[in-house]
Each structure stands twice: as C-alpha cells, then as structure tokens.
Amino acid sequence: MKYLKISLAVLVVALFATPAFSQSCHSSNAKAGETEAASSASILENVPTDFEAGQFIVGGECGMCKRTIEGAVNSLTGIQAVNWDVESKMLTVSYNPKALTVQTIQEKIASVGYDAGTVRATDEAYNNLHGCCQYERVKL
C-alpha cells in the first residue's frame, strides 16, 4: 500500500509538471513577438554614447533558449541591454566596446550551445541543450 501511494504521488507530480514545462519551453504568442520587436528597437534607439549596438543571428527555438542566450550575454561585463527575438532569431545587444567585442559575445553564446553570428557552438555544447532547444544547424 505504501508503494502504491508513492507511485500515485509521483504520477500526479509528473502529470502536472510536464504541461508547465512544455508551456515554458515553447511559449510564444503574438504579444510576446511584438514585445520582443519593441525591445530590440528600443535597444537600437537608446544606446548610450559610450556603448555600441550590434545585431546578429543566433540559433534557437523557444522561450527556454531565449532565457539561456540572454542570460549568457548578461553575465558578461559591459552589457547594457540584450534581446533575442525567438521568431526572427535576431539578437540585439548594446555593449561597451572598451570592455568586450561582438566576437566575445558570440563566443559566450556558443559556449552554452547556440551558434551565434560567425561562431559555431561545439557539438558537445549543442548536444547538451534540451531536446526542444536543439535547432536545425546551418554550416558556417
């Protein structure tokens, strides 16, 4: 009887956790897309004078990719703002060119598994991505 209760509890948790994870992984709707586009435009328009803006394509598929990509970029010193648009795959970033380069930003993104601009993630880093985050890779 004890094992039945434990099994039932595990099953209930699994049933409720799966839809919540799936939703967070693939969350994208028209309003989110509009917000991302507005955020990218705002970054490009509001770059401080000692910062530069850059844009490049980054592979990815979902909201979980967005959090990982933007989190990796935000961990760098010299970042003022960053936005990765799930639909267009375009990353827009405002950064201090005295602290880092676009190449450094792309290398950081590649280190977490995403092809970024001219920098390709290692196969190992790409294979460590969650299944829903594994995108169709193009040759660089």
C-alpha atoms as a PDB file:
ATOM      1  CA  MET A   1       0.000   0.000   0.000  1.00  0.00           C
ATOM      2  CA  LYS A   2       2.885   2.352   0.827  1.00  0.00           C
ATOM      3  CA  TYR A   3       4.411   1.824  -2.641  1.00  0.00           C
ATOM      4  CA  LEU A   4       1.050   2.460  -4.282  1.00  0.00           C
ATOM      5  CA  LYS A   5       0.757   5.855  -2.540  1.00  0.00           C
ATOM      6  CA  ILE A   6       4.298   6.808  -3.524  1.00  0.00           C
ATOM      7  CA  SER A   7       3.734   5.716  -7.125  1.00  0.00           C
ATOM      8  CA  LEU A   8       0.499   7.663  -7.286  1.00  0.00           C
ATOM      9  CA  ALA A   9       2.173  10.785  -5.881  1.00  0.00           C
ATOM     10  CA  VAL A  10       4.998  10.560  -8.448  1.00  0.00           C
ATOM     11  CA  LEU A  11       2.487  10.116 -11.257  1.00  0.00           C
ATOM     12  CA  VAL A  12       0.458  13.157 -10.170  1.00  0.00           C
ATOM     13  CA  VAL A  13       3.585  15.330  -9.949  1.00  0.00           C
ATOM     14  CA  ALA A  14       4.746  14.132 -13.384  1.00  0.00           C
ATOM     15  CA  LEU A  15       1.366  14.878 -14.956  1.00  0.00           C
ATOM     16  CA  PHE A  16       1.245  18.423 -13.584  1.00  0.00           C
ATOM     17  CA  ALA A  17       4.911  19.235 -14.183  1.00  0.00           C
ATOM     18  CA  THR A  18       5.031  18.178 -17.857  1.00  0.00           C
ATOM     19  CA  PRO A  19       2.459  20.674 -19.218  1.00  0.00           C
ATOM     20  CA  ALA A  20       4.010  23.514 -17.213  1.00  0.00           C
ATOM     21  CA  PHE A  21       7.486  22.742 -18.558  1.00  0.00           C
ATOM     22  CA  SER A  22       6.219  22.333 -22.104  1.00  0.00           C
ATOM     23  CA  GLN A  23       4.474  25.694 -21.917  1.00  0.00           C
ATOM     24  CA  SER A  24       7.570  27.499 -20.642  1.00  0.00           C
ATOM     25  CA  CYS A  25       9.762  25.853 -23.258  1.00  0.00           C
ATOM     26  CA  HIS A  26       7.618  26.739 -26.246  1.00  0.00           C
ATOM     27  CA  SER A  27       5.890  29.883 -25.066  1.00  0.00           C
ATOM     28  CA  SER A  28       5.475  32.302 -27.921  1.00  0.00           C
ATOM     29  CA  ASN A  29       2.479  34.338 -28.961  1.00  0.00           C
ATOM     30  CA  ALA A  30       1.767  37.471 -30.942  1.00  0.00           C
ATOM     31  CA  LYS A  31       2.064  39.795 -27.955  1.00  0.00           C
ATOM     32  CA  ALA A  32       5.406  38.278 -26.929  1.00  0.00           C
ATOM     33  CA  GLY A  33       6.669  38.731 -30.503  1.00  0.00           C
ATOM     34  CA  GLU A  34       5.513  42.336 -30.544  1.00  0.00           C
ATOM     35  CA  THR A  35       7.220  42.954 -27.188  1.00  0.00           C
ATOM     36  CA  GLU A  36      10.483  41.414 -28.427  1.00  0.00           C
ATOM     37  CA  ALA A  37      10.449  43.588 -31.561  1.00  0.00           C
ATOM     38  CA  ALA A  38       9.770  46.700 -29.497  1.00  0.00           C
ATOM     39  CA  SER A  39      12.568  45.744 -27.102  1.00  0.00           C
ATOM     40  CA  SER A  40      15.052  45.338 -29.967  1.00  0.00           C
ATOM     41  CA  ALA A  41      14.037  48.695 -31.450  1.00  0.00           C
ATOM     42  CA  SER A  42      14.394  50.319 -28.034  1.00  0.00           C
ATOM     43  CA  ILE A  43      17.918  48.908 -27.636  1.00  0.00           C
ATOM     44  CA  LEU A  44      18.954  50.274 -31.038  1.00  0.00           C
ATOM     45  CA  GLU A  45      17.447  53.701 -30.359  1.00  0.00           C
ATOM     46  CA  ASN A  46      18.649  54.150 -26.773  1.00  0.00           C
ATOM     47  CA  VAL A  47      22.336  53.249 -26.925  1.00  0.00           C
ATOM     48  CA  PRO A  48      24.426  55.374 -24.545  1.00  0.00           C
ATOM     49  CA  THR A  49      27.170  57.368 -26.284  1.00  0.00           C
ATOM     50  CA  ASP A  50      29.987  55.199 -24.900  1.00  0.00           C
ATOM     51  CA  PHE A  51      28.221  51.972 -25.962  1.00  0.00           C
ATOM     52  CA  GLU A  52      27.667  50.356 -29.363  1.00  0.00           C
ATOM     53  CA  ALA A  53      24.750  48.345 -30.692  1.00  0.00           C
ATOM     54  CA  GLY A  54      25.139  45.071 -32.529  1.00  0.00           C
ATOM     55  CA  GLN A  55      22.829  42.577 -34.186  1.00  0.00           C
ATOM     56  CA  PHE A  56      23.409  39.039 -35.406  1.00  0.00           C
ATOM     57  CA  ILE A  57      21.565  35.748 -35.849  1.00  0.00           C
ATOM     58  CA  VAL A  58      21.592  33.180 -33.040  1.00  0.00           C
ATOM     59  CA  GLY A  59      20.168  29.671 -33.441  1.00  0.00           C
ATOM     60  CA  GLY A  60      17.451  28.578 -31.036  1.00  0.00           C
ATOM     61  CA  GLU A  61      13.800  27.581 -30.827  1.00  0.00           C
ATOM     62  CA  CYS A  62      11.892  28.629 -27.732  1.00  0.00           C
ATOM     63  CA  GLY A  63      11.458  30.660 -24.583  1.00  0.00           C
ATOM     64  CA  MET A  64      13.936  28.480 -22.728  1.00  0.00           C
ATOM     65  CA  CYS A  65      16.525  29.270 -25.430  1.00  0.00           C
ATOM     66  CA  LYS A  66      15.769  32.982 -25.006  1.00  0.00           C
ATOM     67  CA  ARG A  67      16.428  32.824 -21.254  1.00  0.00           C
ATOM     68  CA  THR A  68      19.672  30.877 -21.743  1.00  0.00           C
ATOM     69  CA  ILE A  69      21.007  33.085 -24.556  1.00  0.00           C
ATOM     70  CA  GLU A  70      20.137  36.380 -22.871  1.00  0.00           C
ATOM     71  CA  GLY A  71      21.418  35.085 -19.519  1.00  0.00           C
ATOM     72  CA  ALA A  72      24.774  34.157 -21.052  1.00  0.00           C
ATOM     73  CA  VAL A  73      25.137  37.601 -22.629  1.00  0.00           C
ATOM     74  CA  ASN A  74      24.029  39.415 -19.470  1.00  0.00           C
ATOM     75  CA  SER A  75      26.707  37.569 -17.487  1.00  0.00           C
ATOM     76  CA  LEU A  76      29.382  39.478 -19.420  1.00  0.00           C
ATOM     77  CA  THR A  77      30.803  42.724 -18.048  1.00  0.00           C
ATOM     78  CA  GLY A  78      30.000  45.656 -20.325  1.00  0.00           C
ATOM     79  CA  ILE A  79      26.475  44.683 -21.435  1.00  0.00           C
ATOM     80  CA  GLN A  80      23.870  47.438 -21.232  1.00  0.00           C
ATOM     81  CA  ALA A  81      20.902  45.602 -22.828  1.00  0.00           C
ATOM     82  CA  VAL A  82      20.189  42.425 -24.783  1.00  0.00           C
ATOM     83  CA  ASN A  83      17.183  40.925 -26.555  1.00  0.00           C
ATOM     84  CA  TRP A  84      16.931  37.709 -28.585  1.00  0.00           C
ATOM     85  CA  ASP A  85      13.818  37.511 -30.766  1.00  0.00           C
ATOM     86  CA  VAL A  86      12.514  33.925 -30.879  1.00  0.00           C
ATOM     87  CA  GLU A  87      10.786  34.372 -34.243  1.00  0.00           C
ATOM     88  CA  SER A  88      13.487  36.174 -36.231  1.00  0.00           C
ATOM     89  CA  LYS A  89      16.440  34.575 -34.335  1.00  0.00           C
ATOM     90  CA  MET A  90      17.996  38.066 -34.219  1.00  0.00           C
ATOM     91  CA  LEU A  91      19.988  39.072 -31.147  1.00  0.00           C
ATOM     92  CA  THR A  92      20.237  42.793 -30.463  1.00  0.00           C
ATOM     93  CA  VAL A  93      22.774  43.945 -27.913  1.00  0.00           C
ATOM     94  CA  SER A  94      24.091  47.216 -26.523  1.00  0.00           C
ATOM     95  CA  TYR A  95      27.615  46.820 -25.169  1.00  0.00           C
ATOM     96  CA  ASN A  96      30.701  48.761 -24.108  1.00  0.00           C
ATOM     97  CA  PRO A  97      33.351  48.251 -26.832  1.00  0.00           C
ATOM     98  CA  LYS A  98      36.096  49.064 -24.306  1.00  0.00           C
ATOM     99  CA  ALA A  99      35.051  46.026 -22.249  1.00  0.00           C
ATOM    100  CA  LEU A 100      34.256  43.431 -24.940  1.00  0.00           C
ATOM    101  CA  THR A 101      33.757  42.758 -28.649  1.00  0.00           C
ATOM    102  CA  VAL A 102      30.991  41.216 -30.732  1.00  0.00           C
ATOM    103  CA  GLN A 103      33.301  38.209 -31.152  1.00  0.00           C
ATOM    104  CA  THR A 104      33.461  37.791 -27.356  1.00  0.00           C
ATOM    105  CA  ILE A 105      29.667  37.979 -27.108  1.00  0.00           C
ATOM    106  CA  GLN A 106      29.278  35.371 -29.864  1.00  0.00           C
ATOM    107  CA  GLU A 107      31.820  33.076 -28.184  1.00  0.00           C
ATOM    108  CA  LYS A 108      29.927  33.295 -24.879  1.00  0.00           C
ATOM    109  CA  ILE A 109      26.664  32.343 -26.587  1.00  0.00           C
ATOM    110  CA  ALA A 110      28.380  29.457 -28.405  1.00  0.00           C
ATOM    111  CA  SER A 111      29.749  28.200 -25.077  1.00  0.00           C
ATOM    112  CA  VAL A 112      26.173  27.497 -23.913  1.00  0.00           C
ATOM    113  CA  GLY A 113      25.292  25.598 -27.117  1.00  0.00           C
ATOM    114  CA  TYR A 114      23.966  28.119 -29.629  1.00  0.00           C
ATOM    115  CA  ASP A 115      25.524  29.064 -32.973  1.00  0.00           C
ATOM    116  CA  ALA A 116      25.947  32.839 -32.887  1.00  0.00           C
ATOM    117  CA  GLY A 117      26.908  35.018 -35.838  1.00  0.00           C
ATOM    118  CA  THR A 118      30.158  33.578 -37.178  1.00  0.00           C
ATOM    119  CA  VAL A 119      30.891  31.402 -34.128  1.00  0.00           C
ATOM    120  CA  ARG A 120      29.650  27.822 -34.131  1.00  0.00           C
ATOM    121  CA  ALA A 121      28.947  26.056 -30.829  1.00  0.00           C
ATOM    122  CA  THR A 122      30.858  22.836 -30.246  1.00  0.00           C
ATOM    123  CA  ASP A 123      28.918  19.652 -30.957  1.00  0.00           C
ATOM    124  CA  GLU A 124      29.235  18.771 -27.267  1.00  0.00           C
ATOM    125  CA  ALA A 125      27.690  22.082 -26.130  1.00  0.00           C
ATOM    126  CA  TYR A 126      24.911  21.784 -28.737  1.00  0.00           C
ATOM    127  CA  ASN A 127      24.152  18.177 -27.740  1.00  0.00           C
ATOM    128  CA  ASN A 128      23.805  19.280 -24.089  1.00  0.00           C
ATOM    129  CA  LEU A 129      20.851  21.512 -24.988  1.00  0.00           C
ATOM    130  CA  HIS A 130      17.388  20.310 -24.001  1.00  0.00           C
ATOM    131  CA  GLY A 131      15.601  18.471 -26.821  1.00  0.00           C
ATOM    132  CA  CYS A 132      13.190  21.329 -27.543  1.00  0.00           C
ATOM    133  CA  CYS A 133      16.137  23.725 -27.822  1.00  0.00           C
ATOM    134  CA  GLN A 134      18.011  21.745 -30.477  1.00  0.00           C
ATOM    135  CA  TYR A 135      17.509  23.752 -33.642  1.00  0.00           C
ATOM    136  CA  GLU A 136      18.417  22.993 -37.247  1.00  0.00           C
ATOM    137  CA  ARG A 137      22.067  23.975 -37.580  1.00  0.00           C
ATOM    138  CA  VAL A 138      23.462  25.582 -40.708  1.00  0.00           C
ATOM    139  CA  LYS A 139      27.060  25.375 -41.835  1.00  0.00           C
ATOM    140  CA  LEU A 140      29.077  28.474 -41.021  1.00  0.00           C
END
